[in-house]
Amino acid sequence: MAEDKIEKNMAIVGLVLNVIILPGLGTLIGGGSKYRTQGIWQLIVAIVSIPLMLLVIGFFSWAAMWIWALITGIKMIQEST
């Protein structure tokens, strides 16, 4: 079975969405099936982090998801054609 290749344009859109809009959203949209599970977890934890920002822990979990999504976006661009 052929591996799911990511297009360069979709990888760039995914990185921008991860950085600017919501961590995990760009991974789901631009990452294809290879990064789907990572994108789902990034999105879940980022959404859960929003109400947790009333407590201080939400800022740390949001930052962790943002960094994870940034690294995933960079990997998507490096692996794209």
N, C-alpha and C. Protein backbone atom coordinates (compact mmCIF):
# COMPACT_ATOMS: atom_id res chain seq x y z
N MET A 1 0.84 -1.17 0.00
CA MET A 1 0.00 0.00 0.00
C MET A 1 0.88 1.24 0.00
N ALA A 2 0.58 2.17 -0.83
CA ALA A 2 1.38 3.38 -0.95
C ALA A 2 1.17 4.28 0.27
N GLU A 3 2.24 4.92 0.68
CA GLU A 3 2.18 5.83 1.82
C GLU A 3 1.46 7.12 1.42
N ASP A 4 0.70 7.67 2.32
CA ASP A 4 -0.07 8.89 2.07
C ASP A 4 0.89 10.08 2.03
N LYS A 5 1.08 10.66 0.83
CA LYS A 5 1.97 11.81 0.68
C LYS A 5 1.21 13.10 0.97
N ILE A 6 1.90 14.03 1.59
CA ILE A 6 1.32 15.32 1.94
C ILE A 6 1.80 16.34 0.90
N GLU A 7 0.87 17.14 0.40
CA GLU A 7 1.25 18.19 -0.53
C GLU A 7 1.88 19.35 0.23
N LYS A 8 2.82 20.02 -0.41
CA LYS A 8 3.54 21.13 0.22
C LYS A 8 2.59 22.25 0.65
N ASN A 9 1.63 22.60 -0.22
CA ASN A 9 0.69 23.67 0.11
C ASN A 9 -0.15 23.33 1.34
N MET A 10 -0.64 22.09 1.42
CA MET A 10 -1.45 21.69 2.57
C MET A 10 -0.63 21.64 3.84
N ALA A 11 0.64 21.27 3.74
CA ALA A 11 1.51 21.26 4.91
C ALA A 11 1.74 22.67 5.43
N ILE A 12 1.90 23.63 4.52
CA ILE A 12 2.09 25.03 4.94
C ILE A 12 0.81 25.57 5.57
N VAL A 13 -0.33 25.27 4.98
CA VAL A 13 -1.61 25.70 5.56
C VAL A 13 -1.78 25.08 6.95
N GLY A 14 -1.42 23.82 7.09
CA GLY A 14 -1.51 23.15 8.38
C GLY A 14 -0.64 23.80 9.44
N LEU A 15 0.57 24.17 9.06
CA LEU A 15 1.46 24.84 10.02
C LEU A 15 0.90 26.19 10.43
N VAL A 16 0.39 26.94 9.48
CA VAL A 16 -0.18 28.27 9.80
C VAL A 16 -1.39 28.12 10.73
N LEU A 17 -2.26 27.15 10.45
CA LEU A 17 -3.41 26.92 11.32
C LEU A 17 -2.98 26.50 12.72
N ASN A 18 -1.95 25.66 12.81
CA ASN A 18 -1.45 25.23 14.11
C ASN A 18 -0.91 26.41 14.92
N VAL A 19 -0.23 27.31 14.26
CA VAL A 19 0.43 28.40 14.96
C VAL A 19 -0.55 29.52 15.30
N ILE A 20 -1.42 29.89 14.35
CA ILE A 20 -2.25 31.08 14.53
C ILE A 20 -3.62 30.76 15.12
N ILE A 21 -4.29 29.74 14.64
CA ILE A 21 -5.69 29.50 15.01
C ILE A 21 -5.81 28.60 16.24
N LEU A 22 -5.54 27.31 16.07
CA LEU A 22 -5.75 26.35 17.16
C LEU A 22 -4.81 25.17 16.98
N PRO A 23 -4.01 24.86 17.99
CA PRO A 23 -3.12 23.71 17.88
C PRO A 23 -3.91 22.43 17.62
N GLY A 24 -3.49 21.67 16.64
CA GLY A 24 -4.15 20.42 16.28
C GLY A 24 -5.04 20.55 15.06
N LEU A 25 -5.63 21.71 14.86
CA LEU A 25 -6.52 21.91 13.71
C LEU A 25 -5.74 21.80 12.40
N GLY A 26 -4.59 22.42 12.35
CA GLY A 26 -3.76 22.33 11.15
C GLY A 26 -3.21 20.95 10.91
N THR A 27 -2.95 20.23 11.99
CA THR A 27 -2.45 18.86 11.85
C THR A 27 -3.55 17.97 11.26
N LEU A 28 -4.78 18.17 11.68
CA LEU A 28 -5.89 17.39 11.12
C LEU A 28 -6.13 17.73 9.66
N ILE A 29 -6.08 19.01 9.31
CA ILE A 29 -6.39 19.43 7.95
C ILE A 29 -5.24 19.14 6.99
N GLY A 30 -4.02 19.46 7.39
CA GLY A 30 -2.90 19.35 6.48
C GLY A 30 -2.08 18.08 6.58
N GLY A 31 -2.30 17.29 7.63
CA GLY A 31 -1.43 16.16 7.88
C GLY A 31 -1.82 14.85 7.24
N GLY A 32 -3.02 14.75 6.72
CA GLY A 32 -3.45 13.49 6.13
C GLY A 32 -3.64 12.42 7.19
N SER A 33 -3.67 11.18 6.76
CA SER A 33 -3.93 10.08 7.69
C SER A 33 -2.75 9.78 8.60
N LYS A 34 -1.56 10.17 8.20
CA LYS A 34 -0.37 9.87 8.99
C LYS A 34 -0.38 10.61 10.33
N TYR A 35 -0.86 11.83 10.33
CA TYR A 35 -0.83 12.66 11.54
C TYR A 35 -2.20 12.83 12.17
N ARG A 36 -3.19 12.05 11.77
CA ARG A 36 -4.56 12.23 12.26
C ARG A 36 -4.66 12.04 13.78
N THR A 37 -4.04 11.00 14.32
CA THR A 37 -4.13 10.74 15.76
C THR A 37 -3.46 11.86 16.56
N GLN A 38 -2.30 12.31 16.10
CA GLN A 38 -1.64 13.42 16.79
C GLN A 38 -2.50 14.67 16.76
N GLY A 39 -3.12 14.94 15.63
CA GLY A 39 -3.97 16.12 15.50
C GLY A 39 -5.17 16.07 16.43
N ILE A 40 -5.77 14.90 16.55
CA ILE A 40 -6.93 14.75 17.45
C ILE A 40 -6.52 15.01 18.89
N TRP A 41 -5.40 14.44 19.32
CA TRP A 41 -4.94 14.65 20.71
C TRP A 41 -4.54 16.10 20.95
N GLN A 42 -3.88 16.71 19.98
CA GLN A 42 -3.51 18.11 20.13
C GLN A 42 -4.75 18.99 20.28
N LEU A 43 -5.75 18.72 19.47
CA LEU A 43 -6.98 19.50 19.50
C LEU A 43 -7.74 19.30 20.81
N ILE A 44 -7.84 18.07 21.27
CA ILE A 44 -8.55 17.79 22.52
C ILE A 44 -7.88 18.49 23.70
N VAL A 45 -6.57 18.35 23.81
CA VAL A 45 -5.88 18.95 24.94
C VAL A 45 -5.90 20.48 24.85
N ALA A 46 -5.82 21.03 23.65
CA ALA A 46 -5.89 22.49 23.50
C ALA A 46 -7.25 23.01 23.92
N ILE A 47 -8.32 22.32 23.55
CA ILE A 47 -9.67 22.77 23.93
C ILE A 47 -9.88 22.62 25.43
N VAL A 48 -9.39 21.54 26.00
CA VAL A 48 -9.51 21.36 27.46
C VAL A 48 -8.68 22.41 28.20
N SER A 49 -7.61 22.88 27.59
CA SER A 49 -6.75 23.87 28.23
C SER A 49 -7.42 25.23 28.38
N ILE A 50 -8.38 25.53 27.52
CA ILE A 50 -9.02 26.85 27.56
C ILE A 50 -9.72 27.10 28.90
N PRO A 51 -10.62 26.21 29.37
CA PRO A 51 -11.22 26.48 30.68
C PRO A 51 -10.22 26.33 31.84
N LEU A 52 -9.19 25.51 31.62
CA LEU A 52 -8.18 25.34 32.66
C LEU A 52 -7.29 26.57 32.82
N MET A 53 -7.41 27.52 31.90
CA MET A 53 -6.64 28.75 32.03
C MET A 53 -7.12 29.60 33.21
N LEU A 54 -8.33 29.32 33.70
CA LEU A 54 -8.77 29.98 34.93
C LEU A 54 -7.88 29.57 36.09
N LEU A 55 -7.43 28.34 36.03
CA LEU A 55 -6.36 27.87 36.91
C LEU A 55 -5.07 28.09 36.11
N VAL A 56 -3.98 28.08 36.73
CA VAL A 56 -2.72 28.37 36.02
C VAL A 56 -2.30 27.23 35.10
N ILE A 57 -2.73 26.01 35.37
CA ILE A 57 -2.26 24.85 34.61
C ILE A 57 -2.63 24.92 33.13
N GLY A 58 -3.72 25.62 32.81
CA GLY A 58 -4.15 25.71 31.41
C GLY A 58 -3.14 26.41 30.52
N PHE A 59 -2.44 27.39 31.05
CA PHE A 59 -1.43 28.09 30.24
C PHE A 59 -0.27 27.17 29.88
N PHE A 60 0.11 26.31 30.83
CA PHE A 60 1.21 25.39 30.56
C PHE A 60 0.81 24.30 29.56
N SER A 61 -0.41 23.77 29.71
CA SER A 61 -0.84 22.74 28.76
C SER A 61 -1.08 23.34 27.37
N TRP A 62 -1.56 24.59 27.31
CA TRP A 62 -1.73 25.26 26.00
C TRP A 62 -0.38 25.45 25.33
N ALA A 63 0.61 25.90 26.10
CA ALA A 63 1.96 26.10 25.55
C ALA A 63 2.55 24.79 25.06
N ALA A 64 2.33 23.72 25.81
CA ALA A 64 2.85 22.40 25.41
C ALA A 64 2.19 21.95 24.10
N MET A 65 0.88 22.14 23.97
CA MET A 65 0.19 21.75 22.73
C MET A 65 0.63 22.62 21.57
N TRP A 66 0.86 23.90 21.82
CA TRP A 66 1.31 24.79 20.75
C TRP A 66 2.69 24.36 20.24
N ILE A 67 3.59 24.03 21.15
CA ILE A 67 4.93 23.58 20.76
C ILE A 67 4.84 22.25 20.01
N TRP A 68 4.03 21.32 20.52
CA TRP A 68 3.87 20.02 19.86
C TRP A 68 3.30 20.20 18.45
N ALA A 69 2.30 21.07 18.31
CA ALA A 69 1.70 21.32 16.99
C ALA A 69 2.70 22.00 16.06
N LEU A 70 3.52 22.89 16.58
CA LEU A 70 4.55 23.55 15.79
C LEU A 70 5.56 22.53 15.25
N ILE A 71 6.02 21.64 16.10
CA ILE A 71 6.96 20.60 15.68
C ILE A 71 6.33 19.68 14.65
N THR A 72 5.07 19.30 14.86
CA THR A 72 4.37 18.45 13.90
C THR A 72 4.22 19.15 12.55
N GLY A 73 3.90 20.45 12.58
CA GLY A 73 3.78 21.22 11.34
C GLY A 73 5.08 21.28 10.58
N ILE A 74 6.18 21.45 11.29
CA ILE A 74 7.49 21.48 10.64
C ILE A 74 7.82 20.12 10.03
N LYS A 75 7.49 19.04 10.74
CA LYS A 75 7.71 17.69 10.18
C LYS A 75 6.86 17.48 8.93
N MET A 76 5.63 17.98 8.94
CA MET A 76 4.76 17.83 7.76
C MET A 76 5.39 18.54 6.56
N ILE A 77 5.93 19.72 6.76
CA ILE A 77 6.56 20.45 5.66
C ILE A 77 7.80 19.71 5.16
N GLN A 78 8.60 19.19 6.07
CA GLN A 78 9.82 18.47 5.67
C GLN A 78 9.48 17.20 4.89
N GLU A 79 8.40 16.52 5.22
CA GLU A 79 8.04 15.27 4.56
C GLU A 79 7.17 15.48 3.31
N SER A 80 6.75 16.70 3.04
CA SER A 80 5.84 16.93 1.91
C SER A 80 6.61 16.92 0.59
N THR A 81 5.83 16.77 -0.46
CA THR A 81 6.43 16.73 -1.81
C THR A 81 6.21 18.02 -2.54
